[in-house]
Amino acid sequence: IPVIPETITAAISALVVRRDTLQAE
């Protein structure tokens, strides 16, 4: 449970980077 918030934050960051890459394309 203690690592869930950090895991979710990392996943959101990775998804935002991917989304921004696709948006640039």
PDB file of all heavy atoms in Angstrom:
ATOM      1  N   ILE A   1       0.820  -1.219   0.000  1.00  0.00           N
ATOM      2  CA  ILE A   1       0.000   0.000   0.000  1.00  0.00           C
ATOM      3  C   ILE A   1       0.856   1.273   0.000  1.00  0.00           C
ATOM      4  O   ILE A   1       0.528   2.220  -0.713  1.00  0.00           O
ATOM      5  CB  ILE A   1      -1.006  -0.002   1.182  1.00  0.00           C
ATOM      6  CG1 ILE A   1      -2.114  -1.015   0.882  1.00  0.00           C
ATOM      7  CG2 ILE A   1      -1.605   1.368   1.405  1.00  0.00           C
ATOM      8  CD1 ILE A   1      -3.093  -1.204   2.010  1.00  0.00           C
ATOM      9  N   PRO A   2       1.961   1.337   0.728  1.00  0.00           N
ATOM     10  CA  PRO A   2       2.753   2.569   0.726  1.00  0.00           C
ATOM     11  C   PRO A   2       3.317   2.962  -0.646  1.00  0.00           C
ATOM     12  O   PRO A   2       3.583   4.142  -0.888  1.00  0.00           O
ATOM     13  CB  PRO A   2       3.893   2.280   1.710  1.00  0.00           C
ATOM     14  CG  PRO A   2       3.336   1.227   2.612  1.00  0.00           C
ATOM     15  CD  PRO A   2       2.451   0.391   1.733  1.00  0.00           C
ATOM     16  N   VAL A   3       3.507   2.009  -1.548  1.00  0.00           N
ATOM     17  CA  VAL A   3       4.085   2.353  -2.857  1.00  0.00           C
ATOM     18  C   VAL A   3       3.024   2.666  -3.923  1.00  0.00           C
ATOM     19  O   VAL A   3       3.366   3.105  -5.013  1.00  0.00           O
ATOM     20  CB  VAL A   3       5.025   1.245  -3.385  1.00  0.00           C
ATOM     21  CG1 VAL A   3       6.165   1.005  -2.423  1.00  0.00           C
ATOM     22  CG2 VAL A   3       4.273  -0.022  -3.703  1.00  0.00           C
ATOM     23  N   ILE A   4       1.755   2.473  -3.602  1.00  0.00           N
ATOM     24  CA  ILE A   4       0.700   2.700  -4.593  1.00  0.00           C
ATOM     25  C   ILE A   4       0.669   4.146  -5.086  1.00  0.00           C
ATOM     26  O   ILE A   4       0.659   4.379  -6.293  1.00  0.00           O
ATOM     27  CB  ILE A   4      -0.679   2.248  -4.056  1.00  0.00           C
ATOM     28  CG1 ILE A   4      -0.683   0.744  -3.820  1.00  0.00           C
ATOM     29  CG2 ILE A   4      -1.801   2.651  -4.990  1.00  0.00           C
ATOM     30  CD1 ILE A   4      -0.338  -0.078  -5.033  1.00  0.00           C
ATOM     31  N   PRO A   5       0.683   5.151  -4.202  1.00  0.00           N
ATOM     32  CA  PRO A   5       0.653   6.528  -4.715  1.00  0.00           C
ATOM     33  C   PRO A   5       1.824   6.855  -5.642  1.00  0.00           C
ATOM     34  O   PRO A   5       1.651   7.511  -6.674  1.00  0.00           O
ATOM     35  CB  PRO A   5       0.689   7.398  -3.451  1.00  0.00           C
ATOM     36  CG  PRO A   5       0.157   6.521  -2.374  1.00  0.00           C
ATOM     37  CD  PRO A   5       0.602   5.127  -2.741  1.00  0.00           C
ATOM     38  N   GLU A   6       3.013   6.365  -5.294  1.00  0.00           N
ATOM     39  CA  GLU A   6       4.192   6.610  -6.131  1.00  0.00           C
ATOM     40  C   GLU A   6       4.082   5.877  -7.467  1.00  0.00           C
ATOM     41  O   GLU A   6       4.487   6.391  -8.505  1.00  0.00           O
ATOM     42  CB  GLU A   6       5.460   6.180  -5.397  1.00  0.00           C
ATOM     43  CG  GLU A   6       5.727   7.021  -4.161  1.00  0.00           C
ATOM     44  CD  GLU A   6       6.615   6.313  -3.160  1.00  0.00           C
ATOM     45  OE1 GLU A   6       7.044   5.183  -3.411  1.00  0.00           O
ATOM     46  OE2 GLU A   6       6.867   6.921  -2.103  1.00  0.00           O
ATOM     47  N   THR A   7       3.541   4.670  -7.434  1.00  0.00           N
ATOM     48  CA  THR A   7       3.355   3.889  -8.654  1.00  0.00           C
ATOM     49  C   THR A   7       2.351   4.575  -9.576  1.00  0.00           C
ATOM     50  O   THR A   7       2.573   4.679 -10.788  1.00  0.00           O
ATOM     51  CB  THR A   7       2.878   2.467  -8.310  1.00  0.00           C
ATOM     52  OG1 THR A   7       3.798   1.869  -7.409  1.00  0.00           O
ATOM     53  CG2 THR A   7       2.758   1.610  -9.546  1.00  0.00           C
ATOM     54  N   ILE A   8       1.281   5.065  -9.005  1.00  0.00           N
ATOM     55  CA  ILE A   8       0.253   5.749  -9.800  1.00  0.00           C
ATOM     56  C   ILE A   8       0.814   7.041 -10.378  1.00  0.00           C
ATOM     57  O   ILE A   8       0.604   7.339 -11.567  1.00  0.00           O
ATOM     58  CB  ILE A   8      -1.003   6.009  -8.945  1.00  0.00           C
ATOM     59  CG1 ILE A   8      -1.685   4.674  -8.632  1.00  0.00           C
ATOM     60  CG2 ILE A   8      -1.960   6.969  -9.649  1.00  0.00           C
ATOM     61  CD1 ILE A   8      -2.773   4.754  -7.599  1.00  0.00           C
ATOM     62  N   THR A   9       1.563   7.800  -9.592  1.00  0.00           N
ATOM     63  CA  THR A   9       2.179   9.038 -10.086  1.00  0.00           C
ATOM     64  C   THR A   9       3.134   8.754 -11.236  1.00  0.00           C
ATOM     65  O   THR A   9       3.133   9.472 -12.245  1.00  0.00           O
ATOM     66  CB  THR A   9       2.914   9.762  -8.933  1.00  0.00           C
ATOM     67  OG1 THR A   9       1.968  10.081  -7.920  1.00  0.00           O
ATOM     68  CG2 THR A   9       3.590  11.026  -9.417  1.00  0.00           C
ATOM     69  N   ALA A  10       3.925   7.697 -11.108  1.00  0.00           N
ATOM     70  CA  ALA A  10       4.863   7.334 -12.179  1.00  0.00           C
ATOM     71  C   ALA A  10       4.112   6.907 -13.438  1.00  0.00           C
ATOM     72  O   ALA A  10       4.500   7.277 -14.551  1.00  0.00           O
ATOM     73  CB  ALA A  10       5.789   6.204 -11.707  1.00  0.00           C
ATOM     74  N   ALA A  11       3.038   6.152 -13.264  1.00  0.00           N
ATOM     75  CA  ALA A  11       2.244   5.719 -14.423  1.00  0.00           C
ATOM     76  C   ALA A  11       1.609   6.918 -15.111  1.00  0.00           C
ATOM     77  O   ALA A  11       1.621   7.016 -16.344  1.00  0.00           O
ATOM     78  CB  ALA A  11       1.176   4.718 -13.987  1.00  0.00           C
ATOM     79  N   ILE A  12       1.074   7.843 -14.334  1.00  0.00           N
ATOM     80  CA  ILE A  12       0.471   9.046 -14.916  1.00  0.00           C
ATOM     81  C   ILE A  12       1.520   9.831 -15.685  1.00  0.00           C
ATOM     82  O   ILE A  12       1.278  10.277 -16.813  1.00  0.00           O
ATOM     83  CB  ILE A  12      -0.202   9.913 -13.838  1.00  0.00           C
ATOM     84  CG1 ILE A  12      -1.456   9.217 -13.296  1.00  0.00           C
ATOM     85  CG2 ILE A  12      -0.554  11.301 -14.385  1.00  0.00           C
ATOM     86  CD1 ILE A  12      -2.047   9.872 -12.064  1.00  0.00           C
ATOM     87  N   SER A  13       2.698  10.001 -15.116  1.00  0.00           N
ATOM     88  CA  SER A  13       3.777  10.728 -15.796  1.00  0.00           C
ATOM     89  C   SER A  13       4.150  10.078 -17.118  1.00  0.00           C
ATOM     90  O   SER A  13       4.313  10.759 -18.129  1.00  0.00           O
ATOM     91  CB  SER A  13       5.023  10.802 -14.907  1.00  0.00           C
ATOM     92  OG  SER A  13       4.804  11.645 -13.824  1.00  0.00           O
ATOM     93  N   ALA A  14       4.273   8.768 -17.118  1.00  0.00           N
ATOM     94  CA  ALA A  14       4.622   8.050 -18.351  1.00  0.00           C
ATOM     95  C   ALA A  14       3.518   8.194 -19.397  1.00  0.00           C
ATOM     96  O   ALA A  14       3.799   8.389 -20.588  1.00  0.00           O
ATOM     97  CB  ALA A  14       4.880   6.578 -18.049  1.00  0.00           C
ATOM     98  N   LEU A  15       2.265   8.108 -18.957  1.00  0.00           N
ATOM     99  CA  LEU A  15       1.139   8.254 -19.891  1.00  0.00           C
ATOM    100  C   LEU A  15       1.058   9.665 -20.453  1.00  0.00           C
ATOM    101  O   LEU A  15       0.761   9.858 -21.643  1.00  0.00           O
ATOM    102  CB  LEU A  15      -0.176   7.874 -19.205  1.00  0.00           C
ATOM    103  CG  LEU A  15      -0.341   6.394 -18.876  1.00  0.00           C
ATOM    104  CD1 LEU A  15      -1.542   6.200 -17.956  1.00  0.00           C
ATOM    105  CD2 LEU A  15      -0.476   5.562 -20.129  1.00  0.00           C
ATOM    106  N   VAL A  16       1.341  10.665 -19.632  1.00  0.00           N
ATOM    107  CA  VAL A  16       1.331  12.057 -20.104  1.00  0.00           C
ATOM    108  C   VAL A  16       2.429  12.272 -21.141  1.00  0.00           C
ATOM    109  O   VAL A  16       2.206  12.917 -22.174  1.00  0.00           O
ATOM    110  CB  VAL A  16       1.458  13.036 -18.917  1.00  0.00           C
ATOM    111  CG1 VAL A  16       1.770  14.447 -19.389  1.00  0.00           C
ATOM    112  CG2 VAL A  16       0.186  13.030 -18.083  1.00  0.00           C
ATOM    113  N   VAL A  17       3.609  11.733 -20.886  1.00  0.00           N
ATOM    114  CA  VAL A  17       4.708  11.854 -21.862  1.00  0.00           C
ATOM    115  C   VAL A  17       4.306  11.204 -23.183  1.00  0.00           C
ATOM    116  O   VAL A  17       4.502  11.778 -24.261  1.00  0.00           O
ATOM    117  CB  VAL A  17       6.014  11.234 -21.311  1.00  0.00           C
ATOM    118  CG1 VAL A  17       7.059  11.071 -22.402  1.00  0.00           C
ATOM    119  CG2 VAL A  17       6.554  12.079 -20.171  1.00  0.00           C
ATOM    120  N   ARG A  18       3.725  10.015 -23.116  1.00  0.00           N
ATOM    121  CA  ARG A  18       3.297   9.314 -24.339  1.00  0.00           C
ATOM    122  C   ARG A  18       2.216  10.098 -25.062  1.00  0.00           C
ATOM    123  O   ARG A  18       2.254  10.257 -26.270  1.00  0.00           O
ATOM    124  CB  ARG A  18       2.811   7.900 -23.995  1.00  0.00           C
ATOM    125  CG  ARG A  18       2.378   7.104 -25.189  1.00  0.00           C
ATOM    126  CD  ARG A  18       3.535   6.847 -26.136  1.00  0.00           C
ATOM    127  NE  ARG A  18       3.076   6.085 -27.272  1.00  0.00           N
ATOM    128  CZ  ARG A  18       3.566   6.201 -28.490  1.00  0.00           C
ATOM    129  NH1 ARG A  18       4.554   7.020 -28.736  1.00  0.00           N
ATOM    130  NH2 ARG A  18       3.089   5.481 -29.467  1.00  0.00           N
ATOM    131  N   ARG A  19       1.229  10.610 -24.295  1.00  0.00           N
ATOM    132  CA  ARG A  19       0.157  11.400 -24.897  1.00  0.00           C
ATOM    133  C   ARG A  19       0.717  12.645 -25.581  1.00  0.00           C
ATOM    134  O   ARG A  19       0.335  12.973 -26.704  1.00  0.00           O
ATOM    135  CB  ARG A  19      -0.854  11.811 -23.829  1.00  0.00           C
ATOM    136  CG  ARG A  19      -2.004  12.618 -24.410  1.00  0.00           C
ATOM    137  CD  ARG A  19      -2.733  13.431 -23.390  1.00  0.00           C
ATOM    138  NE  ARG A  19      -1.831  14.339 -22.698  1.00  0.00           N
ATOM    139  CZ  ARG A  19      -2.095  14.858 -21.521  1.00  0.00           C
ATOM    140  NH1 ARG A  19      -3.194  14.549 -20.872  1.00  0.00           N
ATOM    141  NH2 ARG A  19      -1.244  15.682 -20.959  1.00  0.00           N
ATOM    142  N   ASP A  20       1.639  13.326 -24.928  1.00  0.00           N
ATOM    143  CA  ASP A  20       2.230  14.538 -25.497  1.00  0.00           C
ATOM    144  C   ASP A  20       3.040  14.241 -26.753  1.00  0.00           C
ATOM    145  O   ASP A  20       3.042  15.030 -27.704  1.00  0.00           O
ATOM    146  CB  ASP A  20       3.094  15.260 -24.465  1.00  0.00           C
ATOM    147  CG  ASP A  20       2.268  15.847 -23.320  1.00  0.00           C
ATOM    148  OD1 ASP A  20       1.016  15.890 -23.434  1.00  0.00           O
ATOM    149  OD2 ASP A  20       2.869  16.251 -22.302  1.00  0.00           O
ATOM    150  N   THR A  21       3.694  13.081 -26.769  1.00  0.00           N
ATOM    151  CA  THR A  21       4.433  12.656 -27.965  1.00  0.00           C
ATOM    152  C   THR A  21       3.471  12.431 -29.133  1.00  0.00           C
ATOM    153  O   THR A  21       3.730  12.881 -30.261  1.00  0.00           O
ATOM    154  CB  THR A  21       5.231  11.369 -27.679  1.00  0.00           C
ATOM    155  OG1 THR A  21       6.164  11.629 -26.626  1.00  0.00           O
ATOM    156  CG2 THR A  21       5.977  10.881 -28.913  1.00  0.00           C
ATOM    157  N   LEU A  22       2.376  11.740 -28.862  1.00  0.00           N
ATOM    158  CA  LEU A  22       1.376  11.504 -29.913  1.00  0.00           C
ATOM    159  C   LEU A  22       0.735  12.806 -30.361  1.00  0.00           C
ATOM    160  O   LEU A  22       0.474  13.003 -31.554  1.00  0.00           O
ATOM    161  CB  LEU A  22       0.309  10.522 -29.428  1.00  0.00           C
ATOM    162  CG  LEU A  22       0.777   9.102 -29.121  1.00  0.00           C
ATOM    163  CD1 LEU A  22      -0.397   8.257 -28.637  1.00  0.00           C
ATOM    164  CD2 LEU A  22       1.442   8.470 -30.325  1.00  0.00           C
ATOM    165  N   GLN A  23       0.493  13.722 -29.421  1.00  0.00           N
ATOM    166  CA  GLN A  23      -0.091  15.017 -29.774  1.00  0.00           C
ATOM    167  C   GLN A  23       0.863  15.797 -30.681  1.00  0.00           C
ATOM    168  O   GLN A  23       0.425  16.444 -31.634  1.00  0.00           O
ATOM    169  CB  GLN A  23      -0.407  15.822 -28.511  1.00  0.00           C
ATOM    170  CG  GLN A  23      -1.122  17.127 -28.794  1.00  0.00           C
ATOM    171  CD  GLN A  23      -2.481  16.931 -29.426  1.00  0.00           C
ATOM    172  OE1 GLN A  23      -3.304  16.190 -28.898  1.00  0.00           O
ATOM    173  NE2 GLN A  23      -2.731  17.569 -30.557  1.00  0.00           N
ATOM    174  N   ALA A  24       2.166  15.736 -30.396  1.00  0.00           N
ATOM    175  CA  ALA A  24       3.157  16.405 -31.250  1.00  0.00           C
ATOM    176  C   ALA A  24       3.148  15.808 -32.661  1.00  0.00           C
ATOM    177  O   ALA A  24       3.249  16.537 -33.651  1.00  0.00           O
ATOM    178  CB  ALA A  24       4.552  16.312 -30.624  1.00  0.00           C
ATOM    179  N   GLU A  25       3.024  14.475 -32.742  1.00  0.00           N
ATOM    180  CA  GLU A  25       2.928  13.824 -34.056  1.00  0.00           C
ATOM    181  C   GLU A  25       1.676  14.291 -34.805  1.00  0.00           C
ATOM    182  O   GLU A  25       1.734  14.571 -36.000  1.00  0.00           O
ATOM    183  CB  GLU A  25       2.868  12.304 -33.913  1.00  0.00           C
ATOM    184  CG  GLU A  25       4.169  11.648 -33.567  1.00  0.00           C
ATOM    185  CD  GLU A  25       4.022  10.129 -33.485  1.00  0.00           C
ATOM    186  OE1 GLU A  25       3.318   9.545 -34.323  1.00  0.00           O
ATOM    187  OE2 GLU A  25       4.631   9.535 -32.563  1.00  0.00           O
TER     188      GLU A  25
END
